[in-house]
Amino acid sequence: MEQGLEIRWHGRGGQGAKTAALLLADVAFKTGANVQGFPEYGPERMGAPITAYNRICRDRIRVHSNIYTPDLVVVVDETLLHSVDVTAGLKEDGAVIINTPKKPEEITGLLNGYKGKVYTVDAKRISIDTLGKNFPNSPMLAAAVAVSGVMDREAFINEMRSSYEHKFAKKPEVIEGNMKALNMTFEELEPFLDKASA
């Protein structure tokens, strides 16, 4: 796949990793990209580890398999670092984003020697501050877009507002909370985008 982006998401059932992957595919499609967004189904139960994938490319996507050498890995649940090799196959010139209050240098020892860029986002704090509950998928979705640069921030924010307005038409407070979560994530990550630990 020439000049495309491949993302692998790791989370637990009920945390929204699958939803984030599908939302990213939807938003990227609306900006003119060819996309895939799909989960890998294992045991479907709350709290079980799940994996989801995105392919985003300007050209036609001819590959229809799981992603084995991603450009970006998004870890929605930090506890998975103890049981899942989240950096397996991750390109050295890629990046991993982990939902944790820790700094990247505090977590690199759990990444099996990965030498690429490591970003951390406290998605739990951001979602509690903006939504009043721990919904980490919106901050992690914004983090994936910010780190990958797969689309312009403004285009992403505008498309996400449209998506949330459709999905939560009768819950304006949920729309605004999610928009705040997206913007807060961008603002917190931006100072680190050029100097992630490598």
N, C-alpha and C. Protein backbone atom coordinates (compact mmCIF):
# COMPACT_ATOMS: atom_id res chain seq x y z
N MET A 1 0.85 -1.18 0.00
CA MET A 1 0.00 0.00 0.00
C MET A 1 0.89 1.23 0.00
N GLU A 2 0.92 1.94 -1.11
CA GLU A 2 1.81 3.09 -1.25
C GLU A 2 1.29 4.30 -0.48
N GLN A 3 2.17 4.92 0.29
CA GLN A 3 1.88 6.19 0.96
C GLN A 3 0.57 6.19 1.72
N GLY A 4 0.29 5.09 2.37
CA GLY A 4 -0.90 5.01 3.19
C GLY A 4 -0.50 4.94 4.65
N LEU A 5 -1.49 4.91 5.50
CA LEU A 5 -1.28 4.82 6.93
C LEU A 5 -2.00 3.59 7.45
N GLU A 6 -1.29 2.77 8.22
CA GLU A 6 -1.90 1.60 8.83
C GLU A 6 -1.81 1.74 10.35
N ILE A 7 -2.94 1.59 11.02
CA ILE A 7 -3.03 1.76 12.46
C ILE A 7 -3.60 0.50 13.09
N ARG A 8 -3.00 0.10 14.22
CA ARG A 8 -3.55 -1.00 15.00
C ARG A 8 -3.94 -0.46 16.37
N TRP A 9 -5.16 -0.77 16.79
CA TRP A 9 -5.69 -0.33 18.08
C TRP A 9 -5.73 -1.51 19.03
N HIS A 10 -5.31 -1.28 20.27
CA HIS A 10 -5.42 -2.29 21.32
C HIS A 10 -6.26 -1.70 22.45
N GLY A 11 -7.27 -2.42 22.87
CA GLY A 11 -8.09 -1.96 23.99
C GLY A 11 -8.76 -3.15 24.65
N ARG A 12 -9.72 -2.85 25.48
CA ARG A 12 -10.54 -3.89 26.10
C ARG A 12 -11.99 -3.65 25.71
N GLY A 13 -12.76 -4.74 25.66
CA GLY A 13 -14.17 -4.63 25.31
C GLY A 13 -14.88 -3.60 26.17
N GLY A 14 -15.60 -2.68 25.54
CA GLY A 14 -16.34 -1.66 26.26
C GLY A 14 -15.64 -0.33 26.39
N GLN A 15 -14.37 -0.25 25.94
CA GLN A 15 -13.63 1.02 26.04
C GLN A 15 -13.72 1.88 24.80
N GLY A 16 -14.27 1.34 23.73
CA GLY A 16 -14.48 2.14 22.54
C GLY A 16 -13.36 2.11 21.51
N ALA A 17 -12.42 1.17 21.60
CA ALA A 17 -11.35 1.11 20.59
C ALA A 17 -11.92 0.80 19.21
N LYS A 18 -12.84 -0.15 19.16
CA LYS A 18 -13.47 -0.48 17.87
C LYS A 18 -14.23 0.72 17.32
N THR A 19 -14.99 1.40 18.19
CA THR A 19 -15.75 2.58 17.77
C THR A 19 -14.81 3.66 17.25
N ALA A 20 -13.68 3.87 17.93
CA ALA A 20 -12.72 4.89 17.49
C ALA A 20 -12.18 4.56 16.10
N ALA A 21 -11.85 3.29 15.86
CA ALA A 21 -11.33 2.88 14.55
C ALA A 21 -12.38 3.11 13.46
N LEU A 22 -13.64 2.80 13.76
CA LEU A 22 -14.70 2.99 12.77
C LEU A 22 -14.96 4.48 12.53
N LEU A 23 -14.91 5.27 13.61
CA LEU A 23 -15.09 6.72 13.46
C LEU A 23 -13.98 7.33 12.63
N LEU A 24 -12.74 6.90 12.87
CA LEU A 24 -11.62 7.42 12.09
C LEU A 24 -11.79 7.09 10.61
N ALA A 25 -12.22 5.87 10.33
CA ALA A 25 -12.45 5.48 8.93
C ALA A 25 -13.52 6.36 8.30
N ASP A 26 -14.59 6.61 9.04
CA ASP A 26 -15.70 7.42 8.54
C ASP A 26 -15.25 8.85 8.24
N VAL A 27 -14.53 9.44 9.17
CA VAL A 27 -14.09 10.82 9.02
C VAL A 27 -13.06 10.94 7.89
N ALA A 28 -12.13 9.99 7.81
CA ALA A 28 -11.12 10.02 6.74
C ALA A 28 -11.79 9.86 5.38
N PHE A 29 -12.81 9.01 5.30
CA PHE A 29 -13.55 8.82 4.05
C PHE A 29 -14.19 10.14 3.60
N LYS A 30 -14.73 10.87 4.56
CA LYS A 30 -15.39 12.15 4.23
C LYS A 30 -14.41 13.20 3.75
N THR A 31 -13.11 13.02 4.05
CA THR A 31 -12.11 13.96 3.56
C THR A 31 -11.51 13.49 2.23
N GLY A 32 -12.07 12.41 1.67
CA GLY A 32 -11.65 11.97 0.34
C GLY A 32 -10.69 10.80 0.29
N ALA A 33 -10.38 10.21 1.44
CA ALA A 33 -9.43 9.08 1.46
C ALA A 33 -10.16 7.77 1.21
N ASN A 34 -9.41 6.78 0.77
CA ASN A 34 -9.89 5.40 0.75
C ASN A 34 -9.58 4.82 2.12
N VAL A 35 -10.51 4.09 2.69
CA VAL A 35 -10.35 3.68 4.09
C VAL A 35 -10.79 2.24 4.33
N GLN A 36 -10.27 1.69 5.42
CA GLN A 36 -10.78 0.47 6.03
C GLN A 36 -10.76 0.69 7.53
N GLY A 37 -11.78 0.22 8.21
CA GLY A 37 -11.82 0.24 9.66
C GLY A 37 -12.54 -1.02 10.10
N PHE A 38 -11.86 -1.88 10.85
CA PHE A 38 -12.48 -3.16 11.19
C PHE A 38 -11.86 -3.72 12.47
N PRO A 39 -12.67 -4.44 13.24
CA PRO A 39 -12.16 -5.10 14.44
C PRO A 39 -11.72 -6.52 14.14
N GLU A 40 -10.88 -7.06 15.02
CA GLU A 40 -10.55 -8.48 14.99
C GLU A 40 -11.32 -9.10 16.15
N TYR A 41 -12.23 -9.96 15.84
CA TYR A 41 -13.09 -10.49 16.89
C TYR A 41 -12.46 -11.67 17.60
N GLY A 42 -12.36 -11.53 18.91
CA GLY A 42 -11.95 -12.62 19.78
C GLY A 42 -13.13 -12.87 20.70
N PRO A 43 -12.87 -13.18 21.95
CA PRO A 43 -13.98 -13.36 22.90
C PRO A 43 -14.67 -12.03 23.13
N GLU A 44 -15.94 -11.96 22.79
CA GLU A 44 -16.68 -10.69 22.90
C GLU A 44 -17.27 -10.55 24.29
N ARG A 45 -16.47 -10.03 25.19
CA ARG A 45 -17.01 -9.78 26.52
C ARG A 45 -16.36 -8.52 27.07
N MET A 46 -17.07 -7.87 27.96
CA MET A 46 -16.58 -6.65 28.57
C MET A 46 -15.23 -6.92 29.24
N GLY A 47 -14.24 -6.10 28.91
CA GLY A 47 -12.93 -6.22 29.53
C GLY A 47 -11.96 -7.13 28.82
N ALA A 48 -12.43 -7.93 27.85
CA ALA A 48 -11.52 -8.82 27.11
C ALA A 48 -10.67 -7.99 26.14
N PRO A 49 -9.40 -8.35 25.94
CA PRO A 49 -8.57 -7.61 24.98
C PRO A 49 -9.17 -7.67 23.58
N ILE A 50 -9.18 -6.54 22.89
CA ILE A 50 -9.67 -6.50 21.51
C ILE A 50 -8.64 -5.75 20.66
N THR A 51 -8.67 -6.02 19.37
CA THR A 51 -7.80 -5.35 18.42
C THR A 51 -8.67 -4.82 17.29
N ALA A 52 -8.35 -3.62 16.83
CA ALA A 52 -9.05 -3.05 15.68
C ALA A 52 -8.01 -2.41 14.77
N TYR A 53 -8.39 -2.16 13.52
CA TYR A 53 -7.43 -1.72 12.52
C TYR A 53 -8.01 -0.60 11.65
N ASN A 54 -7.08 0.23 11.14
CA ASN A 54 -7.42 1.22 10.11
C ASN A 54 -6.38 1.18 9.01
N ARG A 55 -6.85 1.28 7.78
CA ARG A 55 -6.00 1.60 6.64
C ARG A 55 -6.58 2.87 6.03
N ILE A 56 -5.72 3.85 5.78
CA ILE A 56 -6.16 5.11 5.20
C ILE A 56 -5.17 5.45 4.09
N CYS A 57 -5.68 5.66 2.88
CA CYS A 57 -4.79 5.83 1.73
C CYS A 57 -5.49 6.68 0.67
N ARG A 58 -4.73 7.44 -0.05
CA ARG A 58 -5.31 8.22 -1.17
C ARG A 58 -5.60 7.30 -2.36
N ASP A 59 -4.83 6.23 -2.50
CA ASP A 59 -5.05 5.29 -3.61
C ASP A 59 -6.02 4.20 -3.19
N ARG A 60 -6.45 3.42 -4.14
CA ARG A 60 -7.34 2.31 -3.85
C ARG A 60 -6.61 1.29 -2.96
N ILE A 61 -7.30 0.79 -1.96
CA ILE A 61 -6.71 -0.20 -1.05
C ILE A 61 -7.05 -1.60 -1.57
N ARG A 62 -6.01 -2.36 -1.86
CA ARG A 62 -6.22 -3.70 -2.43
C ARG A 62 -5.94 -4.81 -1.42
N VAL A 63 -5.52 -4.43 -0.22
CA VAL A 63 -5.19 -5.41 0.81
C VAL A 63 -6.40 -5.58 1.73
N HIS A 64 -6.74 -6.82 2.05
CA HIS A 64 -7.88 -7.08 2.94
C HIS A 64 -7.48 -8.12 3.98
N SER A 65 -6.55 -7.73 4.83
CA SER A 65 -6.08 -8.64 5.88
C SER A 65 -5.89 -7.82 7.15
N ASN A 66 -5.58 -8.50 8.24
CA ASN A 66 -5.18 -7.78 9.44
C ASN A 66 -3.90 -7.02 9.14
N ILE A 67 -3.51 -6.12 10.03
CA ILE A 67 -2.32 -5.30 9.84
C ILE A 67 -1.22 -5.85 10.73
N TYR A 68 -0.11 -6.24 10.10
CA TYR A 68 0.98 -6.88 10.83
C TYR A 68 2.18 -5.96 11.04
N THR A 69 2.33 -4.94 10.19
CA THR A 69 3.43 -3.98 10.35
C THR A 69 2.86 -2.56 10.34
N PRO A 70 2.16 -2.18 11.42
CA PRO A 70 1.51 -0.87 11.45
C PRO A 70 2.50 0.29 11.51
N ASP A 71 2.02 1.45 11.07
CA ASP A 71 2.78 2.70 11.20
C ASP A 71 2.53 3.31 12.58
N LEU A 72 1.38 3.01 13.14
CA LEU A 72 0.98 3.60 14.41
C LEU A 72 0.20 2.57 15.21
N VAL A 73 0.49 2.50 16.50
CA VAL A 73 -0.27 1.65 17.42
C VAL A 73 -0.88 2.56 18.49
N VAL A 74 -2.16 2.35 18.76
CA VAL A 74 -2.87 3.12 19.79
C VAL A 74 -3.31 2.15 20.88
N VAL A 75 -2.85 2.39 22.10
CA VAL A 75 -3.16 1.51 23.23
C VAL A 75 -4.13 2.24 24.15
N VAL A 76 -5.38 1.79 24.16
CA VAL A 76 -6.44 2.47 24.91
C VAL A 76 -6.41 2.09 26.38
N ASP A 77 -5.80 0.94 26.71
CA ASP A 77 -5.74 0.49 28.10
C ASP A 77 -4.30 0.12 28.45
N GLU A 78 -3.71 0.91 29.35
CA GLU A 78 -2.32 0.72 29.75
C GLU A 78 -2.05 -0.67 30.32
N THR A 79 -3.04 -1.29 30.95
CA THR A 79 -2.81 -2.60 31.57
C THR A 79 -2.47 -3.67 30.54
N LEU A 80 -2.81 -3.44 29.28
CA LEU A 80 -2.50 -4.41 28.23
C LEU A 80 -1.00 -4.54 28.01
N LEU A 81 -0.23 -3.54 28.41
CA LEU A 81 1.22 -3.59 28.22
C LEU A 81 1.85 -4.77 28.96
N HIS A 82 1.16 -5.27 29.98
CA HIS A 82 1.70 -6.38 30.77
C HIS A 82 1.37 -7.75 30.16
N SER A 83 0.42 -7.78 29.20
CA SER A 83 0.00 -9.07 28.68
C SER A 83 0.01 -9.18 27.15
N VAL A 84 0.09 -8.05 26.45
CA VAL A 84 0.04 -8.05 24.99
C VAL A 84 1.28 -7.35 24.45
N ASP A 85 1.92 -7.93 23.43
CA ASP A 85 3.07 -7.28 22.80
C ASP A 85 2.54 -6.24 21.80
N VAL A 86 2.22 -5.06 22.34
CA VAL A 86 1.54 -4.04 21.51
C VAL A 86 2.44 -3.51 20.40
N THR A 87 3.76 -3.61 20.56
CA THR A 87 4.65 -3.09 19.53
C THR A 87 5.07 -4.14 18.50
N ALA A 88 4.50 -5.33 18.56
CA ALA A 88 4.85 -6.39 17.60
C ALA A 88 4.63 -5.87 16.17
N GLY A 89 5.70 -5.91 15.37
CA GLY A 89 5.61 -5.50 13.96
C GLY A 89 5.58 -4.00 13.74
N LEU A 90 5.51 -3.21 14.80
CA LEU A 90 5.41 -1.75 14.64
C LEU A 90 6.70 -1.21 14.01
N LYS A 91 6.53 -0.41 12.96
CA LYS A 91 7.68 0.12 12.24
C LYS A 91 8.51 1.03 13.14
N GLU A 92 9.82 0.94 13.01
CA GLU A 92 10.72 1.75 13.84
C GLU A 92 10.55 3.24 13.58
N ASP A 93 10.11 3.60 12.38
CA ASP A 93 9.88 5.02 12.09
C ASP A 93 8.42 5.40 12.36
N GLY A 94 7.71 4.51 13.02
CA GLY A 94 6.32 4.78 13.39
C GLY A 94 6.23 5.33 14.79
N ALA A 95 5.11 5.06 15.46
CA ALA A 95 4.91 5.59 16.81
C ALA A 95 3.87 4.75 17.54
N VAL A 96 3.94 4.82 18.87
CA VAL A 96 2.93 4.20 19.71
C VAL A 96 2.37 5.28 20.63
N ILE A 97 1.05 5.26 20.83
CA ILE A 97 0.38 6.20 21.72
C ILE A 97 -0.30 5.37 22.81
N ILE A 98 -0.04 5.72 24.07
CA ILE A 98 -0.57 4.94 25.18
C ILE A 98 -1.40 5.82 26.09
N ASN A 99 -2.57 5.34 26.46
CA ASN A 99 -3.43 6.02 27.42
C ASN A 99 -2.89 5.77 28.82
N THR A 100 -2.21 6.77 29.37
CA THR A 100 -1.62 6.65 30.70
C THR A 100 -1.29 8.05 31.22
N PRO A 101 -1.33 8.23 32.54
CA PRO A 101 -0.88 9.51 33.09
C PRO A 101 0.65 9.61 33.16
N LYS A 102 1.35 8.51 32.87
CA LYS A 102 2.81 8.50 32.96
C LYS A 102 3.44 9.21 31.76
N LYS A 103 4.70 9.59 31.95
CA LYS A 103 5.47 10.17 30.85
C LYS A 103 6.02 9.03 29.98
N PRO A 104 6.33 9.32 28.70
CA PRO A 104 6.83 8.25 27.82
C PRO A 104 8.03 7.49 28.40
N GLU A 105 8.97 8.22 29.02
CA GLU A 105 10.16 7.54 29.53
C GLU A 105 9.85 6.60 30.69
N GLU A 106 8.70 6.77 31.32
CA GLU A 106 8.31 5.88 32.42
C GLU A 106 7.74 4.55 31.91
N ILE A 107 7.42 4.51 30.64
CA ILE A 107 6.68 3.35 30.12
C ILE A 107 7.47 2.58 29.07
N THR A 108 8.57 3.15 28.59
CA THR A 108 9.29 2.48 27.51
C THR A 108 9.81 1.10 27.89
N GLY A 109 10.06 0.86 29.17
CA GLY A 109 10.52 -0.46 29.61
C GLY A 109 9.51 -1.57 29.38
N LEU A 110 8.25 -1.21 29.16
CA LEU A 110 7.20 -2.21 28.91
C LEU A 110 6.96 -2.44 27.42
N LEU A 111 7.80 -1.83 26.57
CA LEU A 111 7.53 -1.88 25.12
C LEU A 111 8.48 -2.79 24.36
N ASN A 112 9.03 -3.80 25.05
CA ASN A 112 9.84 -4.84 24.40
C ASN A 112 10.96 -4.29 23.53
N GLY A 113 11.61 -3.23 24.01
CA GLY A 113 12.77 -2.70 23.29
C GLY A 113 12.42 -1.82 22.11
N TYR A 114 11.17 -1.43 21.94
CA TYR A 114 10.79 -0.58 20.80
C TYR A 114 11.57 0.72 20.83
N LYS A 115 12.15 1.10 19.69
CA LYS A 115 13.02 2.27 19.62
C LYS A 115 12.37 3.47 18.92
N GLY A 116 11.13 3.32 18.48
CA GLY A 116 10.47 4.43 17.78
C GLY A 116 9.89 5.45 18.74
N LYS A 117 9.04 6.32 18.23
CA LYS A 117 8.46 7.39 19.04
C LYS A 117 7.37 6.85 19.97
N VAL A 118 7.36 7.39 21.18
CA VAL A 118 6.38 6.99 22.18
C VAL A 118 5.68 8.24 22.69
N TYR A 119 4.34 8.23 22.63
CA TYR A 119 3.53 9.34 23.13
C TYR A 119 2.61 8.81 24.21
N THR A 120 2.36 9.62 25.21
CA THR A 120 1.38 9.24 26.22
C THR A 120 0.31 10.31 26.32
N VAL A 121 -0.92 9.87 26.57
CA VAL A 121 -2.08 10.75 26.69
C VAL A 121 -2.88 10.29 27.90
N ASP A 122 -3.21 11.21 28.79
CA ASP A 122 -4.04 10.84 29.94
C ASP A 122 -5.50 10.97 29.53
N ALA A 123 -5.94 9.99 28.72
CA ALA A 123 -7.30 10.03 28.17
C ALA A 123 -8.37 9.92 29.25
N LYS A 124 -8.04 9.21 30.33
CA LYS A 124 -9.01 9.10 31.43
C LYS A 124 -9.28 10.48 32.05
N ARG A 125 -8.20 11.21 32.35
CA ARG A 125 -8.37 12.54 32.95
C ARG A 125 -9.10 13.48 31.99
N ILE A 126 -8.70 13.45 30.71
CA ILE A 126 -9.33 14.34 29.72
C ILE A 126 -10.82 14.04 29.62
N SER A 127 -11.19 12.75 29.53
CA SER A 127 -12.61 12.42 29.37
C SER A 127 -13.41 12.72 30.63
N ILE A 128 -12.82 12.53 31.80
CA ILE A 128 -13.55 12.86 33.04
C ILE A 128 -13.73 14.37 33.14
N ASP A 129 -12.68 15.14 32.76
CA ASP A 129 -12.78 16.61 32.80
C ASP A 129 -13.83 17.15 31.84
N THR A 130 -13.97 16.50 30.68
CA THR A 130 -14.85 17.05 29.64
C THR A 130 -16.22 16.37 29.55
N LEU A 131 -16.28 15.09 29.93
CA LEU A 131 -17.52 14.32 29.81
C LEU A 131 -18.08 13.84 31.15
N GLY A 132 -17.26 13.95 32.18
CA GLY A 132 -17.71 13.52 33.51
C GLY A 132 -17.61 12.02 33.73
N LYS A 133 -17.12 11.28 32.71
CA LYS A 133 -16.98 9.82 32.82
C LYS A 133 -15.73 9.40 32.05
N ASN A 134 -15.27 8.19 32.35
CA ASN A 134 -14.08 7.67 31.67
C ASN A 134 -14.47 7.03 30.33
N PHE A 135 -14.44 7.85 29.27
CA PHE A 135 -14.65 7.38 27.90
C PHE A 135 -13.38 7.72 27.12
N PRO A 136 -12.38 6.83 27.14
CA PRO A 136 -11.08 7.19 26.57
C PRO A 136 -11.02 7.24 25.05
N ASN A 137 -12.06 6.77 24.35
CA ASN A 137 -11.91 6.64 22.90
C ASN A 137 -11.82 7.98 22.17
N SER A 138 -12.56 9.02 22.60
CA SER A 138 -12.46 10.31 21.91
C SER A 138 -11.06 10.91 22.03
N PRO A 139 -10.49 10.99 23.25
CA PRO A 139 -9.12 11.51 23.32
C PRO A 139 -8.12 10.66 22.52
N MET A 140 -8.25 9.35 22.55
CA MET A 140 -7.30 8.51 21.83
C MET A 140 -7.46 8.65 20.32
N LEU A 141 -8.68 8.88 19.87
CA LEU A 141 -8.93 9.13 18.44
C LEU A 141 -8.24 10.42 18.02
N ALA A 142 -8.41 11.48 18.82
CA ALA A 142 -7.73 12.75 18.52
C ALA A 142 -6.22 12.58 18.54
N ALA A 143 -5.72 11.79 19.49
CA ALA A 143 -4.27 11.55 19.57
C ALA A 143 -3.76 10.86 18.32
N ALA A 144 -4.51 9.88 17.82
CA ALA A 144 -4.10 9.17 16.59
C ALA A 144 -4.00 10.13 15.42
N VAL A 145 -4.95 11.04 15.30
CA VAL A 145 -4.93 12.02 14.20
C VAL A 145 -3.78 13.00 14.39
N ALA A 146 -3.59 13.48 15.63
CA ALA A 146 -2.53 14.46 15.90
C ALA A 146 -1.15 13.87 15.60
N VAL A 147 -0.90 12.66 16.07
CA VAL A 147 0.42 12.05 15.90
C VAL A 147 0.67 11.64 14.45
N SER A 148 -0.34 11.08 13.80
CA SER A 148 -0.15 10.59 12.43
C SER A 148 -0.17 11.70 11.39
N GLY A 149 -0.87 12.81 11.70
CA GLY A 149 -1.02 13.88 10.71
C GLY A 149 -1.82 13.42 9.50
N VAL A 150 -2.65 12.39 9.69
CA VAL A 150 -3.39 11.81 8.57
C VAL A 150 -4.38 12.78 7.95
N MET A 151 -4.80 13.77 8.75
CA MET A 151 -5.66 14.82 8.20
C MET A 151 -5.47 16.08 9.01
N ASP A 152 -5.88 17.17 8.42
CA ASP A 152 -5.79 18.47 9.06
C ASP A 152 -6.67 18.52 10.30
N ARG A 153 -6.16 19.14 11.36
CA ARG A 153 -6.91 19.20 12.62
C ARG A 153 -8.29 19.82 12.42
N GLU A 154 -8.34 20.93 11.70
CA GLU A 154 -9.63 21.63 11.54
C GLU A 154 -10.64 20.76 10.79
N ALA A 155 -10.18 20.09 9.72
CA ALA A 155 -11.08 19.20 8.96
C ALA A 155 -11.58 18.07 9.85
N PHE A 156 -10.68 17.51 10.65
CA PHE A 156 -11.04 16.42 11.55
C PHE A 156 -12.08 16.91 12.57
N ILE A 157 -11.82 18.04 13.21
CA ILE A 157 -12.73 18.57 14.23
C ILE A 157 -14.11 18.85 13.62
N ASN A 158 -14.13 19.45 12.43
CA ASN A 158 -15.42 19.76 11.78
C ASN A 158 -16.20 18.49 11.46
N GLU A 159 -15.51 17.48 10.92
CA GLU A 159 -16.20 16.23 10.58
C GLU A 159 -16.67 15.50 11.84
N MET A 160 -15.86 15.56 12.90
CA MET A 160 -16.27 14.90 14.15
C MET A 160 -17.49 15.60 14.75
N ARG A 161 -17.54 16.93 14.66
CA ARG A 161 -18.73 17.63 15.16
C ARG A 161 -19.97 17.16 14.41
N SER A 162 -19.88 17.07 13.08
CA SER A 162 -21.02 16.59 12.29
C SER A 162 -21.42 15.18 12.70
N SER A 163 -20.43 14.33 12.91
CA SER A 163 -20.69 12.95 13.30
C SER A 163 -21.38 12.89 14.67
N TYR A 164 -20.86 13.64 15.64
CA TYR A 164 -21.44 13.65 16.98
C TYR A 164 -22.84 14.27 16.96
N GLU A 165 -23.04 15.31 16.15
CA GLU A 165 -24.36 15.94 16.07
C GLU A 165 -25.40 14.97 15.53
N HIS A 166 -24.97 14.11 14.61
CA HIS A 166 -25.88 13.09 14.08
C HIS A 166 -26.16 12.01 15.12
N LYS A 167 -25.09 11.56 15.79
CA LYS A 167 -25.20 10.45 16.73
C LYS A 167 -25.89 10.85 18.04
N PHE A 168 -25.62 12.07 18.51
CA PHE A 168 -26.14 12.52 19.81
C PHE A 168 -27.06 13.73 19.66
N ALA A 169 -27.93 13.67 18.65
CA ALA A 169 -28.80 14.82 18.35
C ALA A 169 -29.58 15.31 19.56
N LYS A 170 -29.97 14.39 20.43
CA LYS A 170 -30.79 14.77 21.60
C LYS A 170 -29.96 14.96 22.86
N LYS A 171 -28.64 14.93 22.73
CA LYS A 171 -27.77 15.09 23.90
C LYS A 171 -26.69 16.13 23.60
N PRO A 172 -27.06 17.41 23.52
CA PRO A 172 -26.06 18.43 23.16
C PRO A 172 -24.87 18.49 24.11
N GLU A 173 -25.10 18.13 25.38
CA GLU A 173 -23.99 18.17 26.34
C GLU A 173 -22.93 17.12 26.01
N VAL A 174 -23.37 15.99 25.42
CA VAL A 174 -22.42 14.95 25.02
C VAL A 174 -21.61 15.42 23.81
N ILE A 175 -22.26 16.12 22.89
CA ILE A 175 -21.56 16.67 21.72
C ILE A 175 -20.46 17.62 22.19
N GLU A 176 -20.84 18.58 23.02
CA GLU A 176 -19.86 19.58 23.47
C GLU A 176 -18.75 18.95 24.30
N GLY A 177 -19.09 17.98 25.14
CA GLY A 177 -18.07 17.30 25.94
C GLY A 177 -17.06 16.59 25.06
N ASN A 178 -17.54 15.89 24.04
CA ASN A 178 -16.64 15.19 23.12
C ASN A 178 -15.77 16.16 22.34
N MET A 179 -16.35 17.29 21.91
CA MET A 179 -15.57 18.28 21.16
C MET A 179 -14.45 18.85 22.05
N LYS A 180 -14.78 19.10 23.31
CA LYS A 180 -13.76 19.61 24.24
C LYS A 180 -12.66 18.56 24.44
N ALA A 181 -13.06 17.29 24.53
CA ALA A 181 -12.07 16.21 24.71
C ALA A 181 -11.12 16.15 23.51
N LEU A 182 -11.65 16.26 22.31
CA LEU A 182 -10.82 16.22 21.11
C LEU A 182 -9.83 17.37 21.10
N ASN A 183 -10.35 18.59 21.33
CA ASN A 183 -9.49 19.78 21.29
C ASN A 183 -8.44 19.76 22.40
N MET A 184 -8.84 19.34 23.59
CA MET A 184 -7.89 19.29 24.71
C MET A 184 -6.75 18.33 24.41
N THR A 185 -7.06 17.21 23.77
CA THR A 185 -6.03 16.23 23.44
C THR A 185 -5.03 16.83 22.45
N PHE A 186 -5.53 17.49 21.41
CA PHE A 186 -4.63 18.15 20.45
C PHE A 186 -3.72 19.14 21.16
N GLU A 187 -4.32 19.97 22.03
CA GLU A 187 -3.54 21.01 22.70
C GLU A 187 -2.47 20.43 23.61
N GLU A 188 -2.81 19.34 24.29
CA GLU A 188 -1.82 18.73 25.20
C GLU A 188 -0.71 18.01 24.45
N LEU A 189 -1.02 17.46 23.27
CA LEU A 189 -0.01 16.72 22.52
C LEU A 189 0.90 17.61 21.68
N GLU A 190 0.37 18.73 21.19
CA GLU A 190 1.10 19.54 20.22
C GLU A 190 2.53 19.89 20.64
N PRO A 191 2.79 20.26 21.92
CA PRO A 191 4.17 20.60 22.28
C PRO A 191 5.14 19.43 22.14
N PHE A 192 4.63 18.20 22.10
CA PHE A 192 5.50 17.02 22.07
C PHE A 192 5.63 16.40 20.69
N LEU A 193 4.88 16.88 19.72
CA LEU A 193 4.84 16.18 18.44
C LEU A 193 6.17 16.14 17.71
N ASP A 194 7.03 17.11 17.93
CA ASP A 194 8.32 17.10 17.24
C ASP A 194 9.43 16.52 18.10
N LYS A 195 9.14 16.23 19.36
CA LYS A 195 10.22 15.76 20.23
C LYS A 195 9.81 14.56 21.08
N ALA A 196 9.05 13.65 20.48
CA ALA A 196 8.70 12.41 21.21
C ALA A 196 9.96 11.59 21.43
N SER A 197 9.95 10.82 22.49
CA SER A 197 11.16 10.01 22.78
C SER A 197 11.40 9.02 21.64
N ALA A 198 12.60 9.02 21.15
CA ALA A 198 12.94 8.13 20.03
C ALA A 198 14.24 7.42 20.34
